Amino acid sequence: RVALGFTFFIHGCLKFQGGIENTAAFF
């Protein structure tokens, strides 16, 4: 559970740090 949560937390951070507009463009 902790490994799963941590992995998703980091992925969420990266989406916002890299600029959510970049992720939106990829989507």
PDB file of all heavy atoms in Angstrom:
ATOM      1  N   ARG A   1       0.823  -1.206   0.000  1.00  0.00           N
ATOM      2  CA  ARG A   1       0.000   0.000   0.000  1.00  0.00           C
ATOM      3  C   ARG A   1       0.858   1.258   0.000  1.00  0.00           C
ATOM      4  O   ARG A   1       0.600   2.206  -0.755  1.00  0.00           O
ATOM      5  CB  ARG A   1      -0.932  -0.015   1.216  1.00  0.00           C
ATOM      6  CG  ARG A   1      -2.004   1.056   1.182  1.00  0.00           C
ATOM      7  CD  ARG A   1      -2.855   1.037   2.436  1.00  0.00           C
ATOM      8  NE  ARG A   1      -2.188   1.796   3.472  1.00  0.00           N
ATOM      9  CZ  ARG A   1      -2.040   1.404   4.726  1.00  0.00           C
ATOM     10  NH1 ARG A   1      -2.518   0.254   5.126  1.00  0.00           N
ATOM     11  NH2 ARG A   1      -1.419   2.166   5.602  1.00  0.00           N
ATOM     12  N   VAL A   2       1.899   1.274   0.810  1.00  0.00           N
ATOM     13  CA  VAL A   2       2.778   2.452   0.871  1.00  0.00           C
ATOM     14  C   VAL A   2       3.540   2.617  -0.443  1.00  0.00           C
ATOM     15  O   VAL A   2       3.654   3.738  -0.961  1.00  0.00           O
ATOM     16  CB  VAL A   2       3.739   2.360   2.079  1.00  0.00           C
ATOM     17  CG1 VAL A   2       4.799   3.447   2.022  1.00  0.00           C
ATOM     18  CG2 VAL A   2       2.946   2.465   3.385  1.00  0.00           C
ATOM     19  N   ALA A   3       4.033   1.530  -1.007  1.00  0.00           N
ATOM     20  CA  ALA A   3       4.746   1.613  -2.292  1.00  0.00           C
ATOM     21  C   ALA A   3       3.816   2.117  -3.396  1.00  0.00           C
ATOM     22  O   ALA A   3       4.197   2.955  -4.211  1.00  0.00           O
ATOM     23  CB  ALA A   3       5.329   0.247  -2.659  1.00  0.00           C
ATOM     24  N   LEU A   4       2.588   1.618  -3.413  1.00  0.00           N
ATOM     25  CA  LEU A   4       1.604   2.056  -4.403  1.00  0.00           C
ATOM     26  C   LEU A   4       1.300   3.540  -4.241  1.00  0.00           C
ATOM     27  O   LEU A   4       1.341   4.310  -5.205  1.00  0.00           O
ATOM     28  CB  LEU A   4       0.319   1.234  -4.253  1.00  0.00           C
ATOM     29  CG  LEU A   4      -0.851   1.608  -5.160  1.00  0.00           C
ATOM     30  CD1 LEU A   4      -0.516   1.297  -6.611  1.00  0.00           C
ATOM     31  CD2 LEU A   4      -2.110   0.865  -4.721  1.00  0.00           C
ATOM     32  N   GLY A   5       1.005   3.946  -3.036  1.00  0.00           N
ATOM     33  CA  GLY A   5       0.681   5.349  -2.770  1.00  0.00           C
ATOM     34  C   GLY A   5       1.839   6.273  -3.099  1.00  0.00           C
ATOM     35  O   GLY A   5       1.649   7.334  -3.708  1.00  0.00           O
ATOM     36  N   PHE A   6       3.038   5.881  -2.727  1.00  0.00           N
ATOM     37  CA  PHE A   6       4.211   6.706  -2.989  1.00  0.00           C
ATOM     38  C   PHE A   6       4.453   6.855  -4.489  1.00  0.00           C
ATOM     39  O   PHE A   6       4.736   7.946  -4.981  1.00  0.00           O
ATOM     40  CB  PHE A   6       5.448   6.115  -2.300  1.00  0.00           C
ATOM     41  CG  PHE A   6       6.676   6.955  -2.455  1.00  0.00           C
ATOM     42  CD1 PHE A   6       6.805   8.146  -1.763  1.00  0.00           C
ATOM     43  CD2 PHE A   6       7.702   6.575  -3.297  1.00  0.00           C
ATOM     44  CE1 PHE A   6       7.933   8.947  -1.905  1.00  0.00           C
ATOM     45  CE2 PHE A   6       8.836   7.365  -3.453  1.00  0.00           C
ATOM     46  CZ  PHE A   6       8.951   8.548  -2.755  1.00  0.00           C
ATOM     47  N   THR A   7       4.307   5.754  -5.220  1.00  0.00           N
ATOM     48  CA  THR A   7       4.507   5.796  -6.671  1.00  0.00           C
ATOM     49  C   THR A   7       3.520   6.750  -7.328  1.00  0.00           C
ATOM     50  O   THR A   7       3.895   7.574  -8.164  1.00  0.00           O
ATOM     51  CB  THR A   7       4.378   4.380  -7.274  1.00  0.00           C
ATOM     52  OG1 THR A   7       5.349   3.534  -6.660  1.00  0.00           O
ATOM     53  CG2 THR A   7       4.586   4.395  -8.774  1.00  0.00           C
ATOM     54  N   PHE A   8       2.257   6.664  -6.941  1.00  0.00           N
ATOM     55  CA  PHE A   8       1.259   7.563  -7.521  1.00  0.00           C
ATOM     56  C   PHE A   8       1.490   9.005  -7.080  1.00  0.00           C
ATOM     57  O   PHE A   8       1.311   9.937  -7.869  1.00  0.00           O
ATOM     58  CB  PHE A   8      -0.160   7.100  -7.197  1.00  0.00           C
ATOM     59  CG  PHE A   8      -0.692   6.162  -8.231  1.00  0.00           C
ATOM     60  CD1 PHE A   8      -0.591   4.791  -8.065  1.00  0.00           C
ATOM     61  CD2 PHE A   8      -1.272   6.644  -9.385  1.00  0.00           C
ATOM     62  CE1 PHE A   8      -1.064   3.922  -9.028  1.00  0.00           C
ATOM     63  CE2 PHE A   8      -1.748   5.785 -10.363  1.00  0.00           C
ATOM     64  CZ  PHE A   8      -1.636   4.420 -10.181  1.00  0.00           C
ATOM     65  N   PHE A   9       1.866   9.206  -5.836  1.00  0.00           N
ATOM     66  CA  PHE A   9       2.154  10.555  -5.350  1.00  0.00           C
ATOM     67  C   PHE A   9       3.255  11.203  -6.193  1.00  0.00           C
ATOM     68  O   PHE A   9       3.120  12.347  -6.640  1.00  0.00           O
ATOM     69  CB  PHE A   9       2.558  10.512  -3.873  1.00  0.00           C
ATOM     70  CG  PHE A   9       3.036  11.827  -3.348  1.00  0.00           C
ATOM     71  CD1 PHE A   9       2.134  12.853  -3.086  1.00  0.00           C
ATOM     72  CD2 PHE A   9       4.385  12.063  -3.121  1.00  0.00           C
ATOM     73  CE1 PHE A   9       2.579  14.082  -2.607  1.00  0.00           C
ATOM     74  CE2 PHE A   9       4.828  13.276  -2.645  1.00  0.00           C
ATOM     75  CZ  PHE A   9       3.928  14.292  -2.387  1.00  0.00           C
ATOM     76  N   ILE A  10       4.335  10.472  -6.436  1.00  0.00           N
ATOM     77  CA  ILE A  10       5.444  11.000  -7.241  1.00  0.00           C
ATOM     78  C   ILE A  10       4.983  11.293  -8.666  1.00  0.00           C
ATOM     79  O   ILE A  10       5.304  12.345  -9.232  1.00  0.00           O
ATOM     80  CB  ILE A  10       6.643  10.023  -7.233  1.00  0.00           C
ATOM     81  CG1 ILE A  10       7.232   9.907  -5.820  1.00  0.00           C
ATOM     82  CG2 ILE A  10       7.702  10.440  -8.240  1.00  0.00           C
ATOM     83  CD1 ILE A  10       7.747  11.212  -5.231  1.00  0.00           C
ATOM     84  N   HIS A  11       4.202  10.405  -9.250  1.00  0.00           N
ATOM     85  CA  HIS A  11       3.702  10.637 -10.610  1.00  0.00           C
ATOM     86  C   HIS A  11       2.800  11.866 -10.661  1.00  0.00           C
ATOM     87  O   HIS A  11       2.840  12.634 -11.626  1.00  0.00           O
ATOM     88  CB  HIS A  11       2.978   9.397 -11.145  1.00  0.00           C
ATOM     89  CG  HIS A  11       3.900   8.377 -11.698  1.00  0.00           C
ATOM     90  ND1 HIS A  11       4.089   8.185 -13.039  1.00  0.00           N
ATOM     91  CD2 HIS A  11       4.725   7.491 -11.083  1.00  0.00           C
ATOM     92  CE1 HIS A  11       4.979   7.234 -13.231  1.00  0.00           C
ATOM     93  NE2 HIS A  11       5.384   6.795 -12.050  1.00  0.00           N
ATOM     94  N   GLY A  12       1.986  12.066  -9.631  1.00  0.00           N
ATOM     95  CA  GLY A  12       1.143  13.259  -9.559  1.00  0.00           C
ATOM     96  C   GLY A  12       1.981  14.520  -9.436  1.00  0.00           C
ATOM     97  O   GLY A  12       1.717  15.525 -10.116  1.00  0.00           O
ATOM     98  N   CYS A  13       3.011  14.468  -8.595  1.00  0.00           N
ATOM     99  CA  CYS A  13       3.922  15.623  -8.458  1.00  0.00           C
ATOM    100  C   CYS A  13       4.558  15.968  -9.797  1.00  0.00           C
ATOM    101  O   CYS A  13       4.632  17.142 -10.179  1.00  0.00           O
ATOM    102  CB  CYS A  13       5.028  15.316  -7.444  1.00  0.00           C
ATOM    103  SG  CYS A  13       4.526  15.363  -5.736  1.00  0.00           S
ATOM    104  N   LEU A  14       5.018  14.959 -10.501  1.00  0.00           N
ATOM    105  CA  LEU A  14       5.682  15.187 -11.787  1.00  0.00           C
ATOM    106  C   LEU A  14       4.748  15.824 -12.810  1.00  0.00           C
ATOM    107  O   LEU A  14       5.178  16.667 -13.603  1.00  0.00           O
ATOM    108  CB  LEU A  14       6.254  13.881 -12.330  1.00  0.00           C
ATOM    109  CG  LEU A  14       7.430  13.296 -11.547  1.00  0.00           C
ATOM    110  CD1 LEU A  14       7.799  11.916 -12.074  1.00  0.00           C
ATOM    111  CD2 LEU A  14       8.626  14.229 -11.588  1.00  0.00           C
ATOM    112  N   LYS A  15       3.485  15.437 -12.781  1.00  0.00           N
ATOM    113  CA  LYS A  15       2.527  16.023 -13.722  1.00  0.00           C
ATOM    114  C   LYS A  15       2.405  17.529 -13.491  1.00  0.00           C
ATOM    115  O   LYS A  15       2.335  18.312 -14.436  1.00  0.00           O
ATOM    116  CB  LYS A  15       1.164  15.358 -13.593  1.00  0.00           C
ATOM    117  CG  LYS A  15       1.086  14.038 -14.318  1.00  0.00           C
ATOM    118  CD  LYS A  15      -0.286  13.434 -14.212  1.00  0.00           C
ATOM    119  CE  LYS A  15      -0.367  12.127 -14.954  1.00  0.00           C
ATOM    120  NZ  LYS A  15       0.585  11.120 -14.568  1.00  0.00           N
ATOM    121  N   PHE A  16       2.373  17.941 -12.240  1.00  0.00           N
ATOM    122  CA  PHE A  16       2.215  19.364 -11.937  1.00  0.00           C
ATOM    123  C   PHE A  16       3.533  20.124 -12.034  1.00  0.00           C
ATOM    124  O   PHE A  16       3.555  21.268 -12.478  1.00  0.00           O
ATOM    125  CB  PHE A  16       1.566  19.550 -10.567  1.00  0.00           C
ATOM    126  CG  PHE A  16       0.112  19.184 -10.569  1.00  0.00           C
ATOM    127  CD1 PHE A  16      -0.324  18.002 -10.008  1.00  0.00           C
ATOM    128  CD2 PHE A  16      -0.824  20.010 -11.174  1.00  0.00           C
ATOM    129  CE1 PHE A  16      -1.665  17.650 -10.031  1.00  0.00           C
ATOM    130  CE2 PHE A  16      -2.171  19.678 -11.204  1.00  0.00           C
ATOM    131  CZ  PHE A  16      -2.589  18.486 -10.632  1.00  0.00           C
ATOM    132  N   GLN A  17       4.642  19.507 -11.644  1.00  0.00           N
ATOM    133  CA  GLN A  17       5.945  20.175 -11.742  1.00  0.00           C
ATOM    134  C   GLN A  17       6.355  20.399 -13.181  1.00  0.00           C
ATOM    135  O   GLN A  17       6.957  21.415 -13.508  1.00  0.00           O
ATOM    136  CB  GLN A  17       7.019  19.366 -11.013  1.00  0.00           C
ATOM    137  CG  GLN A  17       6.909  19.437  -9.518  1.00  0.00           C
ATOM    138  CD  GLN A  17       7.939  18.561  -8.823  1.00  0.00           C
ATOM    139  OE1 GLN A  17       8.572  17.703  -9.422  1.00  0.00           O
ATOM    140  NE2 GLN A  17       8.100  18.789  -7.536  1.00  0.00           N
ATOM    141  N   GLY A  18       6.046  19.447 -14.046  1.00  0.00           N
ATOM    142  CA  GLY A  18       6.398  19.579 -15.454  1.00  0.00           C
ATOM    143  C   GLY A  18       5.444  20.492 -16.200  1.00  0.00           C
ATOM    144  O   GLY A  18       5.645  20.778 -17.376  1.00  0.00           O
ATOM    145  N   GLY A  19       4.433  20.959 -15.517  1.00  0.00           N
ATOM    146  CA  GLY A  19       3.420  21.792 -16.145  1.00  0.00           C
ATOM    147  C   GLY A  19       2.271  20.929 -16.588  1.00  0.00           C
ATOM    148  O   GLY A  19       2.403  20.125 -17.511  1.00  0.00           O
ATOM    149  N   ILE A  20       1.138  21.087 -15.931  1.00  0.00           N
ATOM    150  CA  ILE A  20      -0.021  20.251 -16.234  1.00  0.00           C
ATOM    151  C   ILE A  20      -0.465  20.462 -17.677  1.00  0.00           C
ATOM    152  O   ILE A  20      -1.032  19.563 -18.294  1.00  0.00           O
ATOM    153  CB  ILE A  20      -1.168  20.493 -15.222  1.00  0.00           C
ATOM    154  CG1 ILE A  20      -2.201  19.363 -15.265  1.00  0.00           C
ATOM    155  CG2 ILE A  20      -1.797  21.843 -15.423  1.00  0.00           C
ATOM    156  CD1 ILE A  20      -1.719  18.043 -14.757  1.00  0.00           C
ATOM    157  N   GLU A  21      -0.129  21.634 -18.246  1.00  0.00           N
ATOM    158  CA  GLU A  21      -0.515  21.860 -19.640  1.00  0.00           C
ATOM    159  C   GLU A  21       0.228  20.927 -20.583  1.00  0.00           C
ATOM    160  O   GLU A  21      -0.311  20.538 -21.622  1.00  0.00           O
ATOM    161  CB  GLU A  21      -0.376  23.295 -20.085  1.00  0.00           C
ATOM    162  CG  GLU A  21       0.587  24.299 -19.581  1.00  0.00           C
ATOM    163  CD  GLU A  21       0.972  24.462 -18.136  1.00  0.00           C
ATOM    164  OE1 GLU A  21       0.146  24.737 -17.274  1.00  0.00           O
ATOM    165  OE2 GLU A  21       2.172  24.347 -17.890  1.00  0.00           O
ATOM    166  N   ASN A  22       1.446  20.535 -20.218  1.00  0.00           N
ATOM    167  CA  ASN A  22       2.189  19.554 -21.031  1.00  0.00           C
ATOM    168  C   ASN A  22       1.505  18.187 -20.980  1.00  0.00           C
ATOM    169  O   ASN A  22       1.394  17.499 -21.995  1.00  0.00           O
ATOM    170  CB  ASN A  22       3.633  19.428 -20.558  1.00  0.00           C
ATOM    171  CG  ASN A  22       4.432  20.688 -20.789  1.00  0.00           C
ATOM    172  OD1 ASN A  22       4.136  21.458 -21.701  1.00  0.00           O
ATOM    173  ND2 ASN A  22       5.432  20.912 -19.961  1.00  0.00           N
ATOM    174  N   THR A  23       1.061  17.812 -19.791  1.00  0.00           N
ATOM    175  CA  THR A  23       0.351  16.545 -19.646  1.00  0.00           C
ATOM    176  C   THR A  23      -0.976  16.609 -20.396  1.00  0.00           C
ATOM    177  O   THR A  23      -1.369  15.645 -21.059  1.00  0.00           O
ATOM    178  CB  THR A  23       0.122  16.220 -18.151  1.00  0.00           C
ATOM    179  OG1 THR A  23       1.386  16.226 -17.482  1.00  0.00           O
ATOM    180  CG2 THR A  23      -0.530  14.863 -17.971  1.00  0.00           C
ATOM    181  N   ALA A  24      -1.662  17.742 -20.308  1.00  0.00           N
ATOM    182  CA  ALA A  24      -2.935  17.907 -21.021  1.00  0.00           C
ATOM    183  C   ALA A  24      -2.715  17.783 -22.530  1.00  0.00           C
ATOM    184  O   ALA A  24      -3.507  17.127 -23.225  1.00  0.00           O
ATOM    185  CB  ALA A  24      -3.564  19.253 -20.676  1.00  0.00           C
ATOM    186  N   ALA A  25      -1.639  18.381 -23.022  1.00  0.00           N
ATOM    187  CA  ALA A  25      -1.334  18.286 -24.458  1.00  0.00           C
ATOM    188  C   ALA A  25      -1.058  16.835 -24.850  1.00  0.00           C
ATOM    189  O   ALA A  25      -1.492  16.381 -25.913  1.00  0.00           O
ATOM    190  CB  ALA A  25      -0.137  19.170 -24.801  1.00  0.00           C
ATOM    191  N   PHE A  26      -0.356  16.102 -23.990  1.00  0.00           N
ATOM    192  CA  PHE A  26      -0.098  14.684 -24.267  1.00  0.00           C
ATOM    193  C   PHE A  26      -1.408  13.907 -24.305  1.00  0.00           C
ATOM    194  O   PHE A  26      -1.623  13.076 -25.194  1.00  0.00           O
ATOM    195  CB  PHE A  26       0.854  14.096 -23.226  1.00  0.00           C
ATOM    196  CG  PHE A  26       1.050  12.615 -23.372  1.00  0.00           C
ATOM    197  CD1 PHE A  26       1.720  12.095 -24.472  1.00  0.00           C
ATOM    198  CD2 PHE A  26       0.560  11.737 -22.423  1.00  0.00           C
ATOM    199  CE1 PHE A  26       1.893  10.720 -24.621  1.00  0.00           C
ATOM    200  CE2 PHE A  26       0.722  10.372 -22.556  1.00  0.00           C
ATOM    201  CZ  PHE A  26       1.398   9.861 -23.665  1.00  0.00           C
ATOM    202  N   PHE A  27      -2.293  14.158 -23.350  1.00  0.00           N
ATOM    203  CA  PHE A  27      -3.588  13.476 -23.330  1.00  0.00           C
ATOM    204  C   PHE A  27      -4.339  13.742 -24.632  1.00  0.00           C
ATOM    205  O   PHE A  27      -4.967  12.845 -25.184  1.00  0.00           O
ATOM    206  CB  PHE A  27      -4.424  13.949 -22.139  1.00  0.00           C
ATOM    207  CG  PHE A  27      -4.149  13.221 -20.844  1.00  0.00           C
ATOM    208  CD1 PHE A  27      -2.874  12.868 -20.454  1.00  0.00           C
ATOM    209  CD2 PHE A  27      -5.185  12.889 -19.994  1.00  0.00           C
ATOM    210  CE1 PHE A  27      -2.622  12.208 -19.268  1.00  0.00           C
ATOM    211  CE2 PHE A  27      -4.959  12.232 -18.801  1.00  0.00           C
ATOM    212  CZ  PHE A  27      -3.678  11.886 -18.431  1.00  0.00           C
TER     213      PHE A  27
END
